[in-house]
N, C-alpha and C. Protein backbone atom coordinates (compact mmCIF):
# COMPACT_ATOMS: atom_id res chain seq x y z
N MET A 1 -29.49 -58.86 -12.33
CA MET A 1 -28.44 -59.85 -12.27
C MET A 1 -27.29 -59.33 -11.40
N LYS A 2 -26.75 -60.22 -10.59
CA LYS A 2 -25.57 -59.90 -9.80
C LYS A 2 -24.38 -60.64 -10.38
N ILE A 3 -23.30 -59.91 -10.53
CA ILE A 3 -22.08 -60.50 -11.06
C ILE A 3 -20.96 -60.25 -10.07
N TYR A 4 -20.37 -61.34 -9.59
CA TYR A 4 -19.22 -61.24 -8.71
C TYR A 4 -17.97 -61.38 -9.57
N PHE A 5 -17.06 -60.43 -9.42
CA PHE A 5 -15.78 -60.47 -10.12
C PHE A 5 -14.70 -60.80 -9.11
N VAL A 6 -13.85 -61.75 -9.45
CA VAL A 6 -12.74 -62.13 -8.58
C VAL A 6 -11.44 -61.93 -9.33
N ARG A 7 -10.63 -61.03 -8.80
CA ARG A 7 -9.28 -60.89 -9.33
C ARG A 7 -8.46 -62.05 -8.78
N HIS A 8 -7.60 -62.61 -9.60
CA HIS A 8 -6.80 -63.76 -9.18
C HIS A 8 -6.01 -63.48 -7.92
N SER A 9 -5.62 -64.55 -7.26
CA SER A 9 -4.83 -64.47 -6.03
C SER A 9 -3.36 -64.21 -6.38
N LEU A 10 -2.48 -64.35 -5.40
CA LEU A 10 -1.08 -63.99 -5.54
C LEU A 10 -0.36 -64.82 -6.60
N ARG A 11 0.20 -64.15 -7.56
CA ARG A 11 0.90 -64.76 -8.69
C ARG A 11 2.36 -65.04 -8.35
N ASP A 12 2.86 -66.15 -8.88
CA ASP A 12 4.27 -66.48 -8.77
C ASP A 12 5.03 -65.69 -9.84
N ASN A 13 5.68 -64.60 -9.43
CA ASN A 13 6.37 -63.72 -10.38
C ASN A 13 7.70 -64.29 -10.86
N SER A 14 8.12 -65.44 -10.33
CA SER A 14 9.34 -66.05 -10.84
C SER A 14 9.09 -66.69 -12.21
N VAL A 15 7.82 -66.91 -12.55
CA VAL A 15 7.44 -67.43 -13.87
C VAL A 15 7.08 -66.23 -14.73
N LYS A 16 7.92 -65.95 -15.72
CA LYS A 16 7.74 -64.75 -16.54
C LYS A 16 6.67 -64.92 -17.61
N GLU A 17 6.40 -66.15 -18.02
CA GLU A 17 5.38 -66.40 -19.06
C GLU A 17 4.00 -66.19 -18.45
N ASP A 18 3.31 -65.15 -18.91
CA ASP A 18 2.07 -64.70 -18.31
C ASP A 18 0.96 -65.76 -18.27
N VAL A 19 0.80 -66.49 -19.35
CA VAL A 19 -0.31 -67.45 -19.47
C VAL A 19 -0.18 -68.60 -18.47
N ILE A 20 1.04 -69.04 -18.21
CA ILE A 20 1.23 -70.23 -17.37
C ILE A 20 1.68 -69.91 -15.94
N ALA A 21 1.82 -68.62 -15.61
CA ALA A 21 2.25 -68.26 -14.25
C ALA A 21 1.21 -68.74 -13.24
N PRO A 22 1.64 -69.58 -12.28
CA PRO A 22 0.71 -70.12 -11.28
C PRO A 22 0.60 -69.19 -10.07
N LEU A 23 -0.19 -69.63 -9.12
CA LEU A 23 -0.26 -68.94 -7.84
C LEU A 23 0.91 -69.36 -6.96
N THR A 24 1.24 -68.52 -6.01
CA THR A 24 2.20 -68.90 -4.98
C THR A 24 1.47 -69.80 -3.98
N GLU A 25 2.22 -70.37 -3.05
CA GLU A 25 1.59 -71.18 -2.00
C GLU A 25 0.60 -70.33 -1.20
N GLU A 26 1.01 -69.12 -0.85
CA GLU A 26 0.09 -68.22 -0.13
C GLU A 26 -1.11 -67.88 -1.00
N GLY A 27 -0.88 -67.74 -2.30
CA GLY A 27 -1.99 -67.47 -3.23
C GLY A 27 -3.01 -68.59 -3.23
N HIS A 28 -2.54 -69.84 -3.18
CA HIS A 28 -3.46 -70.99 -3.09
C HIS A 28 -4.25 -70.96 -1.79
N GLN A 29 -3.59 -70.62 -0.70
CA GLN A 29 -4.28 -70.55 0.59
C GLN A 29 -5.36 -69.48 0.57
N LYS A 30 -5.07 -68.32 -0.01
CA LYS A 30 -6.06 -67.24 -0.10
C LYS A 30 -7.22 -67.65 -1.01
N ALA A 31 -6.93 -68.38 -2.07
CA ALA A 31 -7.99 -68.85 -2.97
C ALA A 31 -8.94 -69.78 -2.22
N GLU A 32 -8.40 -70.64 -1.38
CA GLU A 32 -9.23 -71.55 -0.59
C GLU A 32 -10.17 -70.78 0.35
N LEU A 33 -9.72 -69.63 0.83
CA LEU A 33 -10.54 -68.83 1.74
C LEU A 33 -11.77 -68.23 1.04
N LEU A 34 -11.73 -68.17 -0.28
CA LEU A 34 -12.87 -67.62 -1.03
C LEU A 34 -14.09 -68.54 -0.98
N ILE A 35 -13.86 -69.82 -0.71
CA ILE A 35 -14.96 -70.80 -0.67
C ILE A 35 -16.05 -70.35 0.29
N GLU A 36 -15.65 -69.97 1.47
CA GLU A 36 -16.64 -69.60 2.49
C GLU A 36 -17.47 -68.40 2.06
N PHE A 37 -16.83 -67.39 1.46
CA PHE A 37 -17.57 -66.21 1.02
C PHE A 37 -18.64 -66.58 -0.01
N PHE A 38 -18.30 -67.45 -0.95
CA PHE A 38 -19.22 -67.75 -2.04
C PHE A 38 -20.20 -68.89 -1.74
N ARG A 39 -20.08 -69.51 -0.59
CA ARG A 39 -20.92 -70.65 -0.23
C ARG A 39 -22.42 -70.35 -0.35
N ASP A 40 -22.85 -69.16 0.04
CA ASP A 40 -24.29 -68.85 0.05
C ASP A 40 -24.69 -67.78 -0.97
N LYS A 41 -23.86 -67.54 -1.98
CA LYS A 41 -24.14 -66.47 -2.94
C LYS A 41 -25.00 -66.93 -4.13
N LYS A 42 -25.32 -68.20 -4.19
CA LYS A 42 -26.18 -68.75 -5.25
C LYS A 42 -25.60 -68.54 -6.65
N ILE A 43 -24.30 -68.72 -6.75
CA ILE A 43 -23.62 -68.63 -8.04
C ILE A 43 -24.15 -69.74 -8.95
N GLU A 44 -24.52 -69.38 -10.16
CA GLU A 44 -25.07 -70.36 -11.10
C GLU A 44 -24.08 -70.75 -12.20
N MET A 45 -23.11 -69.88 -12.48
CA MET A 45 -22.15 -70.16 -13.53
C MET A 45 -20.87 -69.39 -13.24
N ILE A 46 -19.74 -70.01 -13.61
CA ILE A 46 -18.43 -69.38 -13.43
C ILE A 46 -17.76 -69.24 -14.79
N PHE A 47 -17.36 -68.01 -15.10
CA PHE A 47 -16.59 -67.70 -16.30
C PHE A 47 -15.21 -67.26 -15.84
N ALA A 48 -14.18 -67.54 -16.63
CA ALA A 48 -12.83 -67.17 -16.20
C ALA A 48 -11.89 -67.01 -17.38
N SER A 49 -10.89 -66.18 -17.15
CA SER A 49 -9.75 -66.09 -18.05
C SER A 49 -9.09 -67.47 -18.09
N PRO A 50 -8.51 -67.85 -19.22
CA PRO A 50 -7.83 -69.16 -19.28
C PRO A 50 -6.44 -69.18 -18.64
N TYR A 51 -5.98 -68.06 -18.11
CA TYR A 51 -4.65 -68.03 -17.50
C TYR A 51 -4.64 -68.88 -16.23
N LYS A 52 -3.54 -69.58 -16.03
CA LYS A 52 -3.43 -70.55 -14.94
C LYS A 52 -3.75 -69.96 -13.57
N ARG A 53 -3.25 -68.77 -13.27
CA ARG A 53 -3.47 -68.19 -11.94
C ARG A 53 -4.94 -67.88 -11.68
N VAL A 54 -5.69 -67.57 -12.72
CA VAL A 54 -7.13 -67.32 -12.55
C VAL A 54 -7.86 -68.65 -12.32
N ILE A 55 -7.54 -69.65 -13.11
CA ILE A 55 -8.17 -70.96 -12.95
C ILE A 55 -7.86 -71.52 -11.57
N GLU A 56 -6.62 -71.37 -11.10
CA GLU A 56 -6.26 -71.85 -9.77
C GLU A 56 -6.99 -71.07 -8.67
N THR A 57 -7.36 -69.82 -8.94
CA THR A 57 -8.08 -69.01 -7.95
C THR A 57 -9.54 -69.42 -7.85
N VAL A 58 -10.20 -69.64 -8.99
CA VAL A 58 -11.65 -69.94 -8.95
C VAL A 58 -11.95 -71.43 -8.84
N SER A 59 -10.98 -72.29 -9.07
CA SER A 59 -11.23 -73.74 -9.00
C SER A 59 -11.75 -74.21 -7.64
N PRO A 60 -11.20 -73.75 -6.51
CA PRO A 60 -11.75 -74.20 -5.22
C PRO A 60 -13.24 -73.83 -5.08
N ILE A 61 -13.62 -72.66 -5.56
CA ILE A 61 -15.02 -72.23 -5.50
C ILE A 61 -15.87 -73.15 -6.37
N ALA A 62 -15.40 -73.37 -7.59
CA ALA A 62 -16.14 -74.21 -8.54
C ALA A 62 -16.31 -75.63 -8.00
N GLU A 63 -15.25 -76.18 -7.45
CA GLU A 63 -15.33 -77.53 -6.90
C GLU A 63 -16.32 -77.59 -5.74
N ASN A 64 -16.27 -76.60 -4.86
CA ASN A 64 -17.16 -76.56 -3.71
C ASN A 64 -18.62 -76.42 -4.14
N LEU A 65 -18.87 -75.60 -5.16
CA LEU A 65 -20.24 -75.38 -5.63
C LEU A 65 -20.67 -76.38 -6.70
N LYS A 66 -19.73 -77.26 -7.08
CA LYS A 66 -19.99 -78.26 -8.12
C LYS A 66 -20.45 -77.61 -9.44
N LEU A 67 -19.69 -76.59 -9.84
CA LEU A 67 -19.98 -75.87 -11.07
C LEU A 67 -18.80 -75.98 -12.02
N PRO A 68 -19.07 -75.97 -13.32
CA PRO A 68 -17.97 -75.94 -14.29
C PRO A 68 -17.39 -74.53 -14.39
N ILE A 69 -16.21 -74.44 -14.95
CA ILE A 69 -15.60 -73.14 -15.24
C ILE A 69 -15.55 -73.00 -16.75
N LYS A 70 -16.22 -72.00 -17.27
CA LYS A 70 -16.19 -71.73 -18.71
C LYS A 70 -15.07 -70.72 -18.95
N GLN A 71 -14.00 -71.20 -19.61
CA GLN A 71 -12.86 -70.34 -19.89
C GLN A 71 -13.13 -69.52 -21.16
N ILE A 72 -12.90 -68.22 -21.06
CA ILE A 72 -13.15 -67.31 -22.18
C ILE A 72 -11.89 -66.47 -22.41
N ASP A 73 -11.33 -66.58 -23.60
CA ASP A 73 -10.10 -65.87 -23.93
C ASP A 73 -10.24 -64.36 -23.79
N GLY A 74 -11.41 -63.81 -24.06
CA GLY A 74 -11.63 -62.37 -23.97
C GLY A 74 -11.48 -61.81 -22.57
N LEU A 75 -11.46 -62.69 -21.56
CA LEU A 75 -11.28 -62.25 -20.17
C LEU A 75 -9.81 -62.20 -19.76
N ARG A 76 -8.91 -62.56 -20.68
CA ARG A 76 -7.48 -62.61 -20.36
C ARG A 76 -6.94 -61.22 -20.05
N GLU A 77 -5.77 -61.22 -19.43
CA GLU A 77 -5.09 -59.97 -19.10
C GLU A 77 -4.51 -59.35 -20.36
N ARG A 78 -4.15 -58.11 -20.27
CA ARG A 78 -3.57 -57.44 -21.44
C ARG A 78 -2.20 -58.03 -21.75
N LYS A 79 -1.85 -58.00 -23.00
CA LYS A 79 -0.52 -58.40 -23.42
C LYS A 79 0.39 -57.19 -23.28
N ILE A 80 1.43 -57.34 -22.48
CA ILE A 80 2.35 -56.22 -22.27
C ILE A 80 3.34 -56.13 -23.43
N GLY A 81 3.76 -57.25 -23.95
CA GLY A 81 4.72 -57.27 -25.05
C GLY A 81 6.01 -57.95 -24.66
N TYR A 82 6.51 -57.64 -23.49
CA TYR A 82 7.68 -58.29 -22.90
C TYR A 82 7.69 -57.99 -21.42
N TRP A 83 8.49 -58.74 -20.66
CA TRP A 83 8.53 -58.59 -19.20
C TRP A 83 8.98 -57.18 -18.83
N VAL A 84 8.23 -56.54 -17.95
CA VAL A 84 8.53 -55.19 -17.49
C VAL A 84 8.94 -55.28 -16.02
N GLU A 85 10.12 -54.79 -15.70
CA GLU A 85 10.60 -54.86 -14.31
C GLU A 85 9.81 -53.96 -13.38
N ASP A 86 9.50 -52.74 -13.81
CA ASP A 86 8.74 -51.80 -12.98
C ASP A 86 7.30 -51.75 -13.51
N PHE A 87 6.52 -52.72 -13.09
CA PHE A 87 5.14 -52.86 -13.58
C PHE A 87 4.31 -51.62 -13.29
N TYR A 88 4.44 -51.05 -12.10
CA TYR A 88 3.58 -49.92 -11.72
C TYR A 88 3.91 -48.66 -12.50
N ASP A 89 5.16 -48.45 -12.86
CA ASP A 89 5.52 -47.32 -13.72
C ASP A 89 4.89 -47.51 -15.10
N TYR A 90 4.98 -48.72 -15.62
CA TYR A 90 4.38 -49.03 -16.92
C TYR A 90 2.86 -48.85 -16.87
N ALA A 91 2.23 -49.36 -15.82
CA ALA A 91 0.78 -49.23 -15.68
C ALA A 91 0.37 -47.76 -15.62
N GLN A 92 1.12 -46.96 -14.88
CA GLN A 92 0.81 -45.54 -14.78
C GLN A 92 0.91 -44.87 -16.15
N GLN A 93 1.91 -45.21 -16.94
CA GLN A 93 2.04 -44.67 -18.29
C GLN A 93 0.79 -45.01 -19.11
N GLN A 94 0.35 -46.25 -19.00
CA GLN A 94 -0.81 -46.67 -19.77
C GLN A 94 -2.08 -45.96 -19.32
N TRP A 95 -2.27 -45.82 -18.01
CA TRP A 95 -3.48 -45.16 -17.52
C TRP A 95 -3.50 -43.68 -17.87
N HIS A 96 -2.33 -43.08 -18.09
CA HIS A 96 -2.28 -41.67 -18.51
C HIS A 96 -2.45 -41.51 -20.01
N ASP A 97 -2.20 -42.57 -20.75
CA ASP A 97 -2.38 -42.56 -22.21
C ASP A 97 -2.92 -43.93 -22.63
N PHE A 98 -4.22 -44.03 -22.79
CA PHE A 98 -4.87 -45.31 -23.08
C PHE A 98 -4.43 -45.91 -24.42
N ASP A 99 -3.70 -45.15 -25.24
CA ASP A 99 -3.20 -45.68 -26.51
C ASP A 99 -1.75 -46.15 -26.42
N PHE A 100 -1.08 -45.89 -25.28
CA PHE A 100 0.32 -46.29 -25.11
C PHE A 100 0.44 -47.80 -25.02
N LYS A 101 1.41 -48.35 -25.75
CA LYS A 101 1.69 -49.78 -25.65
C LYS A 101 3.12 -50.05 -26.10
N LEU A 102 3.64 -51.17 -25.65
CA LEU A 102 4.95 -51.63 -26.07
C LEU A 102 4.80 -52.48 -27.32
N GLU A 103 5.90 -52.73 -27.99
CA GLU A 103 5.87 -53.58 -29.17
C GLU A 103 5.30 -54.96 -28.80
N ASN A 104 4.39 -55.44 -29.59
CA ASN A 104 3.68 -56.72 -29.39
C ASN A 104 2.74 -56.70 -28.19
N GLY A 105 2.48 -55.54 -27.63
CA GLY A 105 1.58 -55.41 -26.50
C GLY A 105 0.24 -54.82 -26.90
N GLU A 106 -0.63 -54.66 -25.90
CA GLU A 106 -1.94 -54.08 -26.12
C GLU A 106 -2.05 -52.75 -25.38
N SER A 107 -2.73 -51.81 -25.98
CA SER A 107 -3.04 -50.56 -25.28
C SER A 107 -4.24 -50.80 -24.38
N LEU A 108 -4.46 -49.89 -23.43
CA LEU A 108 -5.63 -50.02 -22.57
C LEU A 108 -6.92 -49.88 -23.37
N ASN A 109 -6.91 -49.05 -24.42
CA ASN A 109 -8.10 -48.96 -25.28
C ASN A 109 -8.42 -50.30 -25.92
N GLU A 110 -7.39 -51.00 -26.39
CA GLU A 110 -7.61 -52.31 -27.01
C GLU A 110 -8.14 -53.32 -25.99
N VAL A 111 -7.57 -53.31 -24.80
CA VAL A 111 -8.01 -54.23 -23.75
C VAL A 111 -9.44 -53.90 -23.34
N GLN A 112 -9.72 -52.61 -23.16
CA GLN A 112 -11.07 -52.21 -22.74
C GLN A 112 -12.11 -52.62 -23.78
N ASN A 113 -11.82 -52.41 -25.05
CA ASN A 113 -12.76 -52.82 -26.09
C ASN A 113 -13.02 -54.32 -26.05
N ARG A 114 -11.95 -55.10 -25.87
CA ARG A 114 -12.07 -56.56 -25.82
C ARG A 114 -12.89 -57.01 -24.61
N ILE A 115 -12.55 -56.49 -23.43
CA ILE A 115 -13.22 -56.97 -22.21
C ILE A 115 -14.68 -56.51 -22.16
N VAL A 116 -14.97 -55.32 -22.64
CA VAL A 116 -16.36 -54.84 -22.65
C VAL A 116 -17.18 -55.71 -23.61
N GLN A 117 -16.65 -56.00 -24.78
CA GLN A 117 -17.37 -56.88 -25.73
C GLN A 117 -17.58 -58.27 -25.14
N THR A 118 -16.57 -58.79 -24.47
CA THR A 118 -16.68 -60.11 -23.85
C THR A 118 -17.74 -60.10 -22.75
N TYR A 119 -17.70 -59.10 -21.90
CA TYR A 119 -18.69 -58.95 -20.82
C TYR A 119 -20.11 -58.86 -21.41
N GLN A 120 -20.29 -58.03 -22.42
CA GLN A 120 -21.61 -57.86 -23.02
C GLN A 120 -22.11 -59.18 -23.62
N SER A 121 -21.22 -59.94 -24.22
CA SER A 121 -21.59 -61.25 -24.76
C SER A 121 -22.02 -62.21 -23.65
N ILE A 122 -21.29 -62.21 -22.55
CA ILE A 122 -21.65 -63.07 -21.40
C ILE A 122 -23.04 -62.71 -20.90
N ILE A 123 -23.28 -61.42 -20.70
CA ILE A 123 -24.57 -60.96 -20.17
C ILE A 123 -25.70 -61.26 -21.15
N LYS A 124 -25.47 -60.99 -22.40
CA LYS A 124 -26.50 -61.19 -23.44
C LYS A 124 -26.90 -62.66 -23.55
N ASN A 125 -25.94 -63.55 -23.37
CA ASN A 125 -26.19 -64.98 -23.56
C ASN A 125 -26.42 -65.75 -22.26
N SER A 126 -26.65 -65.03 -21.16
CA SER A 126 -26.84 -65.68 -19.87
C SER A 126 -28.26 -65.48 -19.35
N ASP A 127 -28.87 -66.57 -18.93
CA ASP A 127 -30.18 -66.50 -18.29
C ASP A 127 -30.05 -66.63 -16.78
N TYR A 128 -28.85 -66.47 -16.28
CA TYR A 128 -28.58 -66.66 -14.86
C TYR A 128 -28.86 -65.38 -14.08
N GLU A 129 -29.11 -65.54 -12.80
CA GLU A 129 -29.31 -64.41 -11.90
C GLU A 129 -28.01 -63.98 -11.22
N THR A 130 -27.09 -64.95 -11.01
CA THR A 130 -25.86 -64.67 -10.28
C THR A 130 -24.69 -65.39 -10.93
N LEU A 131 -23.71 -64.61 -11.35
CA LEU A 131 -22.52 -65.14 -12.03
C LEU A 131 -21.26 -64.81 -11.24
N LEU A 132 -20.23 -65.58 -11.50
CA LEU A 132 -18.89 -65.26 -11.01
C LEU A 132 -17.99 -65.19 -12.23
N ILE A 133 -17.21 -64.12 -12.31
CA ILE A 133 -16.24 -63.95 -13.40
C ILE A 133 -14.87 -63.78 -12.78
N GLY A 134 -13.95 -64.67 -13.12
CA GLY A 134 -12.57 -64.61 -12.64
C GLY A 134 -11.68 -63.96 -13.67
N GLY A 135 -10.85 -63.04 -13.21
CA GLY A 135 -10.00 -62.34 -14.17
C GLY A 135 -8.80 -61.68 -13.54
N HIS A 136 -8.39 -60.61 -14.19
CA HIS A 136 -7.12 -59.93 -13.89
C HIS A 136 -7.36 -58.47 -13.54
N GLY A 137 -6.42 -57.91 -12.79
CA GLY A 137 -6.55 -56.54 -12.32
C GLY A 137 -6.73 -55.50 -13.40
N THR A 138 -5.87 -55.49 -14.39
CA THR A 138 -5.96 -54.45 -15.42
C THR A 138 -7.22 -54.62 -16.25
N ALA A 139 -7.46 -55.82 -16.73
CA ALA A 139 -8.63 -56.05 -17.59
C ALA A 139 -9.93 -55.74 -16.83
N MET A 140 -10.05 -56.22 -15.59
CA MET A 140 -11.26 -55.94 -14.83
C MET A 140 -11.39 -54.45 -14.52
N SER A 141 -10.28 -53.78 -14.22
CA SER A 141 -10.33 -52.34 -13.95
C SER A 141 -10.87 -51.57 -15.15
N LEU A 142 -10.47 -51.99 -16.32
CA LEU A 142 -10.94 -51.32 -17.53
C LEU A 142 -12.42 -51.58 -17.77
N LEU A 143 -12.89 -52.78 -17.43
CA LEU A 143 -14.32 -53.05 -17.51
C LEU A 143 -15.06 -52.19 -16.49
N PHE A 144 -14.55 -52.13 -15.26
CA PHE A 144 -15.19 -51.31 -14.22
C PHE A 144 -15.17 -49.83 -14.62
N ASN A 145 -14.09 -49.39 -15.25
CA ASN A 145 -13.99 -48.01 -15.73
C ASN A 145 -15.12 -47.72 -16.72
N ASP A 146 -15.39 -48.68 -17.60
CA ASP A 146 -16.48 -48.52 -18.56
C ASP A 146 -17.84 -48.57 -17.88
N LEU A 147 -18.05 -49.57 -17.03
CA LEU A 147 -19.35 -49.74 -16.37
C LEU A 147 -19.72 -48.54 -15.50
N THR A 148 -18.71 -47.92 -14.88
CA THR A 148 -18.97 -46.79 -13.97
C THR A 148 -18.80 -45.44 -14.67
N LYS A 149 -18.68 -45.47 -15.99
CA LYS A 149 -18.53 -44.24 -16.79
C LYS A 149 -17.33 -43.40 -16.32
N GLY A 150 -16.23 -44.09 -16.04
CA GLY A 150 -14.98 -43.44 -15.70
C GLY A 150 -14.74 -43.20 -14.22
N LYS A 151 -15.70 -43.52 -13.38
CA LYS A 151 -15.51 -43.29 -11.94
C LYS A 151 -14.46 -44.23 -11.35
N PHE A 152 -14.41 -45.48 -11.84
CA PHE A 152 -13.35 -46.41 -11.42
C PHE A 152 -12.12 -46.04 -12.23
N ASN A 153 -11.04 -45.63 -11.54
CA ASN A 153 -9.89 -45.10 -12.25
C ASN A 153 -8.57 -45.74 -11.79
N TYR A 154 -7.49 -45.12 -12.17
CA TYR A 154 -6.16 -45.64 -11.85
C TYR A 154 -5.95 -45.82 -10.35
N ASN A 155 -6.41 -44.87 -9.55
CA ASN A 155 -6.26 -44.99 -8.10
C ASN A 155 -7.02 -46.20 -7.56
N ASP A 156 -8.19 -46.48 -8.11
CA ASP A 156 -8.95 -47.67 -7.71
C ASP A 156 -8.21 -48.93 -8.12
N PHE A 157 -7.62 -48.91 -9.31
CA PHE A 157 -6.81 -50.03 -9.78
C PHE A 157 -5.69 -50.33 -8.78
N LEU A 158 -5.03 -49.28 -8.30
CA LEU A 158 -3.92 -49.46 -7.35
C LEU A 158 -4.37 -50.06 -6.03
N GLN A 159 -5.64 -49.89 -5.68
CA GLN A 159 -6.17 -50.41 -4.41
C GLN A 159 -6.56 -51.88 -4.50
N MET A 160 -6.60 -52.44 -5.70
CA MET A 160 -7.00 -53.84 -5.86
C MET A 160 -5.96 -54.76 -5.22
N LYS A 161 -6.43 -55.74 -4.49
CA LYS A 161 -5.58 -56.75 -3.86
C LYS A 161 -5.65 -58.05 -4.67
N MET A 162 -4.86 -59.00 -4.25
CA MET A 162 -4.88 -60.33 -4.86
C MET A 162 -5.17 -61.35 -3.78
N PRO A 163 -6.34 -61.93 -3.73
CA PRO A 163 -7.48 -61.68 -4.62
C PRO A 163 -8.31 -60.49 -4.14
N SER A 164 -9.17 -60.01 -5.02
CA SER A 164 -10.16 -58.99 -4.69
C SER A 164 -11.51 -59.47 -5.20
N ILE A 165 -12.56 -59.06 -4.51
CA ILE A 165 -13.93 -59.39 -4.93
C ILE A 165 -14.70 -58.10 -5.12
N TYR A 166 -15.37 -58.00 -6.25
CA TYR A 166 -16.26 -56.88 -6.54
C TYR A 166 -17.60 -57.46 -6.95
N MET A 167 -18.66 -56.70 -6.72
CA MET A 167 -19.99 -57.14 -7.15
C MET A 167 -20.63 -56.02 -7.96
N TRP A 168 -21.12 -56.38 -9.14
CA TRP A 168 -21.82 -55.44 -10.01
C TRP A 168 -23.27 -55.88 -10.09
N ASP A 169 -24.17 -54.97 -9.76
CA ASP A 169 -25.60 -55.22 -9.87
C ASP A 169 -26.07 -54.55 -11.15
N THR A 170 -26.52 -55.35 -12.12
CA THR A 170 -26.89 -54.80 -13.41
C THR A 170 -28.15 -53.93 -13.35
N GLU A 171 -28.98 -54.15 -12.34
CA GLU A 171 -30.20 -53.34 -12.21
C GLU A 171 -29.90 -51.96 -11.63
N THR A 172 -29.13 -51.90 -10.57
CA THR A 172 -28.83 -50.61 -9.93
C THR A 172 -27.59 -49.95 -10.53
N GLU A 173 -26.82 -50.71 -11.31
CA GLU A 173 -25.55 -50.25 -11.88
C GLU A 173 -24.61 -49.75 -10.80
N GLN A 174 -24.56 -50.52 -9.71
CA GLN A 174 -23.69 -50.22 -8.59
C GLN A 174 -22.55 -51.24 -8.53
N LEU A 175 -21.33 -50.72 -8.41
CA LEU A 175 -20.16 -51.57 -8.22
C LEU A 175 -19.75 -51.49 -6.77
N THR A 176 -19.68 -52.64 -6.11
CA THR A 176 -19.33 -52.71 -4.71
C THR A 176 -18.03 -53.47 -4.54
N HIS A 177 -17.05 -52.85 -3.86
CA HIS A 177 -15.81 -53.55 -3.53
C HIS A 177 -16.06 -54.30 -2.22
N ILE A 178 -15.99 -55.61 -2.28
CA ILE A 178 -16.31 -56.44 -1.13
C ILE A 178 -15.08 -56.77 -0.32
N GLN A 179 -13.98 -57.05 -0.98
CA GLN A 179 -12.78 -57.47 -0.25
C GLN A 179 -11.56 -56.83 -0.88
């Protein structure tokens, strides 16, 4: 099975509420550019985080391929707890201590457990050959960290763009960064 992972496009950071933060205008334009890449990939099903920016990223692909989007809460981004001005400093703290979290937030261990269980459920219950999963940088990085037995790390997380495409081949257990 081949699984394409798409990290959401450019987020509008003026909206502090994580669940409803949309894409920027440039983010919408970049999402539209994904259509051409996925046109011939034989995607059979699309799964996505329910967050608005993820849905706005994968919707053009879904519409073009005439596929539904199955929203799964387990694919959501980690809960930080409250708005953090220096996101990268916070992320670095978390990557150095997977149990570190703010009040009302999630640790990376908690996010990794959730996303790995969600991924395993998708795979176990899918008879498809090619899937697309739309999600978030931190959550997907933690899944990739698990799938690659720790080879995908904080430095790889920092290299992720918005949007980014990765492909995981379940037979070869190879993760390929496409874009």
